[in-house]
Amino acid sequence: MKEMPRKLVFPIVLFASGFCLGNGLRPWSAAHADPSPRVFEIRTYTAAEGKLDALHTRFRDHTVALFRKHGITSVGYFKPEDAPLAANTLIYILAHPSRDAATKNWQAFHDDPEWQAVKTASEANGPLTTKMESVFADPTDYSPMK
């Protein structure tokens, strides 16, 4: 067996020591943090016939800012690529500190006079959606997003 060159021993020992100290001496809060400090909500809207563009406009021009105002974190908004969903579906993901916070934030959002005015104006010619689905989900232990 070949002996390790002396010039490599010190950097390896230094790296190993730093790694062990860095992981072993983490602050209590980091070492015992809740692995899932927030909950995600995946929402799928089915737009009324011919109203998908109006739904996107309402989100782009008003809804996203109102979410932010009420503590609702936007993670992403998505348009399906394939038919039939491409013609009438909006999918988006939100993050909330907890389910309890989500309930309170949604109530504040729905009670906001600005939202009520935007909704009324955007639906002057009928509702923009025919169906809404909501699923709350926790990230898995291997999920890159927590």
C-alpha atoms as a PDB file:
ATOM      1  CA  MET A   1       0.000   0.000   0.000  1.00  0.00           C
ATOM      2  CA  LYS A   2       1.318   3.389  -1.002  1.00  0.00           C
ATOM      3  CA  GLU A   3       1.780   6.076   1.676  1.00  0.00           C
ATOM      4  CA  MET A   4      -0.141   9.351   1.293  1.00  0.00           C
ATOM      5  CA  PRO A   5       2.140  12.302   0.469  1.00  0.00           C
ATOM      6  CA  ARG A   6       2.668  14.512   3.541  1.00  0.00           C
ATOM      7  CA  LYS A   7       1.602  17.647   1.680  1.00  0.00           C
ATOM      8  CA  LEU A   8      -1.936  16.180   1.313  1.00  0.00           C
ATOM      9  CA  VAL A   9      -2.368  15.140   4.958  1.00  0.00           C
ATOM     10  CA  PHE A  10      -2.770  18.654   6.402  1.00  0.00           C
ATOM     11  CA  PRO A  11      -5.457  19.873   3.912  1.00  0.00           C
ATOM     12  CA  ILE A  12      -7.422  16.638   4.340  1.00  0.00           C
ATOM     13  CA  VAL A  13      -7.284  16.824   8.142  1.00  0.00           C
ATOM     14  CA  LEU A  14      -8.190  20.518   8.044  1.00  0.00           C
ATOM     15  CA  PHE A  15     -11.181  19.856   5.742  1.00  0.00           C
ATOM     16  CA  ALA A  16     -12.401  16.916   7.838  1.00  0.00           C
ATOM     17  CA  SER A  17     -12.074  18.917  11.074  1.00  0.00           C
ATOM     18  CA  GLY A  18     -13.965  21.870   9.637  1.00  0.00           C
ATOM     19  CA  PHE A  19     -16.693  19.623   8.284  1.00  0.00           C
ATOM     20  CA  CYS A  20     -17.156  17.865  11.633  1.00  0.00           C
ATOM     21  CA  LEU A  21     -17.137  21.103  13.609  1.00  0.00           C
ATOM     22  CA  GLY A  22     -19.474  22.832  11.182  1.00  0.00           C
ATOM     23  CA  ASN A  23     -22.041  20.055  11.357  1.00  0.00           C
ATOM     24  CA  GLY A  24     -21.576  19.189  15.013  1.00  0.00           C
ATOM     25  CA  LEU A  25     -21.771  22.718  16.365  1.00  0.00           C
ATOM     26  CA  ARG A  26     -24.780  24.029  14.472  1.00  0.00           C
ATOM     27  CA  PRO A  27     -27.035  26.343  16.460  1.00  0.00           C
ATOM     28  CA  TRP A  28     -29.794  24.584  18.364  1.00  0.00           C
ATOM     29  CA  SER A  29     -32.418  26.184  16.119  1.00  0.00           C
ATOM     30  CA  ALA A  30     -30.763  24.891  12.926  1.00  0.00           C
ATOM     31  CA  ALA A  31     -30.130  21.419  14.318  1.00  0.00           C
ATOM     32  CA  HIS A  32     -33.706  21.083  15.559  1.00  0.00           C
ATOM     33  CA  ALA A  33     -35.582  23.106  12.964  1.00  0.00           C
ATOM     34  CA  ASP A  34     -38.895  21.889  11.669  1.00  0.00           C
ATOM     35  CA  PRO A  35     -38.057  20.158   8.379  1.00  0.00           C
ATOM     36  CA  SER A  36     -41.231  21.559   6.783  1.00  0.00           C
ATOM     37  CA  PRO A  37     -41.691  25.149   7.975  1.00  0.00           C
ATOM     38  CA  ARG A  38     -44.401  25.828   5.420  1.00  0.00           C
ATOM     39  CA  VAL A  39     -47.204  24.114   3.587  1.00  0.00           C
ATOM     40  CA  PHE A  40     -47.760  24.294  -0.152  1.00  0.00           C
ATOM     41  CA  GLU A  41     -51.120  24.707  -1.836  1.00  0.00           C
ATOM     42  CA  ILE A  42     -51.539  23.500  -5.405  1.00  0.00           C
ATOM     43  CA  ARG A  43     -54.537  25.121  -7.075  1.00  0.00           C
ATOM     44  CA  THR A  44     -56.048  24.270 -10.439  1.00  0.00           C
ATOM     45  CA  TYR A  45     -58.605  26.541 -12.095  1.00  0.00           C
ATOM     46  CA  THR A  46     -60.719  25.582 -15.066  1.00  0.00           C
ATOM     47  CA  ALA A  47     -61.620  28.715 -17.017  1.00  0.00           C
ATOM     48  CA  ALA A  48     -65.063  29.275 -18.466  1.00  0.00           C
ATOM     49  CA  GLU A  49     -65.259  28.926 -22.244  1.00  0.00           C
ATOM     50  CA  GLY A  50     -63.154  31.665 -23.860  1.00  0.00           C
ATOM     51  CA  LYS A  51     -62.135  33.259 -20.543  1.00  0.00           C
ATOM     52  CA  LEU A  52     -58.636  31.856 -19.927  1.00  0.00           C
ATOM     53  CA  ASP A  53     -56.916  35.039 -21.172  1.00  0.00           C
ATOM     54  CA  ALA A  54     -59.113  37.161 -18.897  1.00  0.00           C
ATOM     55  CA  LEU A  55     -58.211  34.885 -15.964  1.00  0.00           C
ATOM     56  CA  HIS A  56     -54.491  35.287 -16.713  1.00  0.00           C
ATOM     57  CA  THR A  57     -54.960  39.065 -16.962  1.00  0.00           C
ATOM     58  CA  ARG A  58     -56.718  39.209 -13.599  1.00  0.00           C
ATOM     59  CA  PHE A  59     -53.902  37.235 -11.959  1.00  0.00           C
ATOM     60  CA  ARG A  60     -51.159  39.236 -13.683  1.00  0.00           C
ATOM     61  CA  ASP A  61     -52.685  42.666 -13.014  1.00  0.00           C
ATOM     62  CA  HIS A  62     -54.322  42.193  -9.600  1.00  0.00           C
ATOM     63  CA  THR A  63     -54.433  38.811  -7.871  1.00  0.00           C
ATOM     64  CA  VAL A  64     -50.701  38.203  -7.421  1.00  0.00           C
ATOM     65  CA  ALA A  65     -50.245  41.605  -5.735  1.00  0.00           C
ATOM     66  CA  LEU A  66     -53.272  40.994  -3.515  1.00  0.00           C
ATOM     67  CA  PHE A  67     -51.865  37.604  -2.512  1.00  0.00           C
ATOM     68  CA  ARG A  68     -48.627  39.311  -1.485  1.00  0.00           C
ATOM     69  CA  LYS A  69     -50.612  41.959   0.456  1.00  0.00           C
ATOM     70  CA  HIS A  70     -52.295  39.193   2.461  1.00  0.00           C
ATOM     71  CA  GLY A  71     -49.194  37.098   3.218  1.00  0.00           C
ATOM     72  CA  ILE A  72     -49.815  34.476   0.536  1.00  0.00           C
ATOM     73  CA  THR A  73     -46.529  33.536  -1.151  1.00  0.00           C
ATOM     74  CA  SER A  74     -46.652  32.813  -4.872  1.00  0.00           C
ATOM     75  CA  VAL A  75     -44.316  29.964  -5.851  1.00  0.00           C
ATOM     76  CA  GLY A  76     -45.254  29.616  -9.519  1.00  0.00           C
ATOM     77  CA  TYR A  77     -47.985  29.887 -12.121  1.00  0.00           C
ATOM     78  CA  PHE A  78     -48.290  27.367 -14.957  1.00  0.00           C
ATOM     79  CA  LYS A  79     -50.068  26.904 -18.290  1.00  0.00           C
ATOM     80  CA  PRO A  80     -50.466  23.305 -19.447  1.00  0.00           C
ATOM     81  CA  GLU A  81     -48.913  22.645 -22.855  1.00  0.00           C
ATOM     82  CA  ASP A  82     -51.161  19.846 -24.057  1.00  0.00           C
ATOM     83  CA  ALA A  83     -54.818  19.792 -25.077  1.00  0.00           C
ATOM     84  CA  PRO A  84     -57.383  19.804 -23.711  1.00  0.00           C
ATOM     85  CA  LEU A  85     -56.015  21.516 -20.576  1.00  0.00           C
ATOM     86  CA  ALA A  86     -54.013  24.094 -22.561  1.00  0.00           C
ATOM     87  CA  ALA A  87     -57.279  25.721 -23.643  1.00  0.00           C
ATOM     88  CA  ASN A  88     -58.816  26.280 -20.215  1.00  0.00           C
ATOM     89  CA  THR A  89     -56.503  25.560 -17.254  1.00  0.00           C
ATOM     90  CA  LEU A  90     -54.364  27.600 -14.879  1.00  0.00           C
ATOM     91  CA  ILE A  91     -52.288  25.760 -12.278  1.00  0.00           C
ATOM     92  CA  TYR A  92     -50.435  27.574  -9.539  1.00  0.00           C
ATOM     93  CA  ILE A  93     -48.581  26.841  -6.329  1.00  0.00           C
ATOM     94  CA  LEU A  94     -48.694  28.939  -3.179  1.00  0.00           C
ATOM     95  CA  ALA A  95     -46.802  28.645   0.099  1.00  0.00           C
ATOM     96  CA  HIS A  96     -48.194  29.375   3.551  1.00  0.00           C
ATOM     97  CA  PRO A  97     -46.497  29.260   6.958  1.00  0.00           C
ATOM     98  CA  SER A  98     -49.168  26.746   8.069  1.00  0.00           C
ATOM     99  CA  ARG A  99     -52.680  25.530   7.262  1.00  0.00           C
ATOM    100  CA  ASP A 100     -53.983  27.846   9.960  1.00  0.00           C
ATOM    101  CA  ALA A 101     -52.222  30.814   8.370  1.00  0.00           C
ATOM    102  CA  ALA A 102     -53.594  29.806   4.963  1.00  0.00           C
ATOM    103  CA  THR A 103     -57.151  29.874   6.297  1.00  0.00           C
ATOM    104  CA  LYS A 104     -56.658  33.319   7.863  1.00  0.00           C
ATOM    105  CA  ASN A 105     -54.886  34.750   4.801  1.00  0.00           C
ATOM    106  CA  TRP A 106     -57.528  33.449   2.398  1.00  0.00           C
ATOM    107  CA  GLN A 107     -60.276  34.966   4.559  1.00  0.00           C
ATOM    108  CA  ALA A 108     -58.500  38.336   4.595  1.00  0.00           C
ATOM    109  CA  PHE A 109     -58.030  38.107   0.816  1.00  0.00           C
ATOM    110  CA  HIS A 110     -61.713  37.320   0.166  1.00  0.00           C
ATOM    111  CA  ASP A 111     -62.830  40.104   2.557  1.00  0.00           C
ATOM    112  CA  ASP A 112     -60.557  42.713   0.925  1.00  0.00           C
ATOM    113  CA  PRO A 113     -62.690  45.397  -0.779  1.00  0.00           C
ATOM    114  CA  GLU A 114     -60.040  45.741  -3.509  1.00  0.00           C
ATOM    115  CA  TRP A 115     -60.358  42.016  -4.365  1.00  0.00           C
ATOM    116  CA  GLN A 116     -64.145  42.235  -4.338  1.00  0.00           C
ATOM    117  CA  ALA A 117     -64.041  45.174  -6.766  1.00  0.00           C
ATOM    118  CA  VAL A 118     -61.536  43.421  -9.065  1.00  0.00           C
ATOM    119  CA  LYS A 119     -63.586  40.219  -9.065  1.00  0.00           C
ATOM    120  CA  THR A 120     -66.832  42.072  -9.785  1.00  0.00           C
ATOM    121  CA  ALA A 121     -65.287  44.096 -12.623  1.00  0.00           C
ATOM    122  CA  SER A 122     -63.533  41.104 -14.210  1.00  0.00           C
ATOM    123  CA  GLU A 123     -66.719  39.032 -14.091  1.00  0.00           C
ATOM    124  CA  ALA A 124     -69.056  41.654 -15.555  1.00  0.00           C
ATOM    125  CA  ASN A 125     -69.753  39.261 -18.454  1.00  0.00           C
ATOM    126  CA  GLY A 126     -69.930  36.135 -16.300  1.00  0.00           C
ATOM    127  CA  PRO A 127     -67.613  34.112 -14.070  1.00  0.00           C
ATOM    128  CA  LEU A 128     -64.060  33.487 -15.286  1.00  0.00           C
ATOM    129  CA  THR A 129     -63.906  29.976 -13.809  1.00  0.00           C
ATOM    130  CA  THR A 130     -66.132  26.929 -13.749  1.00  0.00           C
ATOM    131  CA  LYS A 131     -64.102  24.794 -11.352  1.00  0.00           C
ATOM    132  CA  MET A 132     -61.419  25.253  -8.697  1.00  0.00           C
ATOM    133  CA  GLU A 133     -59.405  22.516  -6.998  1.00  0.00           C
ATOM    134  CA  SER A 134     -57.081  23.011  -4.038  1.00  0.00           C
ATOM    135  CA  VAL A 135     -54.642  20.472  -2.596  1.00  0.00           C
ATOM    136  CA  PHE A 136     -52.429  21.161   0.415  1.00  0.00           C
ATOM    137  CA  ALA A 137     -49.121  19.287   0.396  1.00  0.00           C
ATOM    138  CA  ASP A 138     -45.945  18.954   2.447  1.00  0.00           C
ATOM    139  CA  PRO A 139     -42.600  18.545   0.706  1.00  0.00           C
ATOM    140  CA  THR A 140     -41.028  15.112   0.898  1.00  0.00           C
ATOM    141  CA  ASP A 141     -37.722  14.626   2.728  1.00  0.00           C
ATOM    142  CA  TYR A 142     -35.940  14.455  -0.668  1.00  0.00           C
ATOM    143  CA  SER A 143     -37.659  17.480  -2.198  1.00  0.00           C
ATOM    144  CA  PRO A 144     -35.252  20.273  -3.177  1.00  0.00           C
ATOM    145  CA  MET A 145     -37.965  22.803  -2.243  1.00  0.00           C
ATOM    146  CA  LYS A 146     -39.034  22.957   1.366  1.00  0.00           C
END
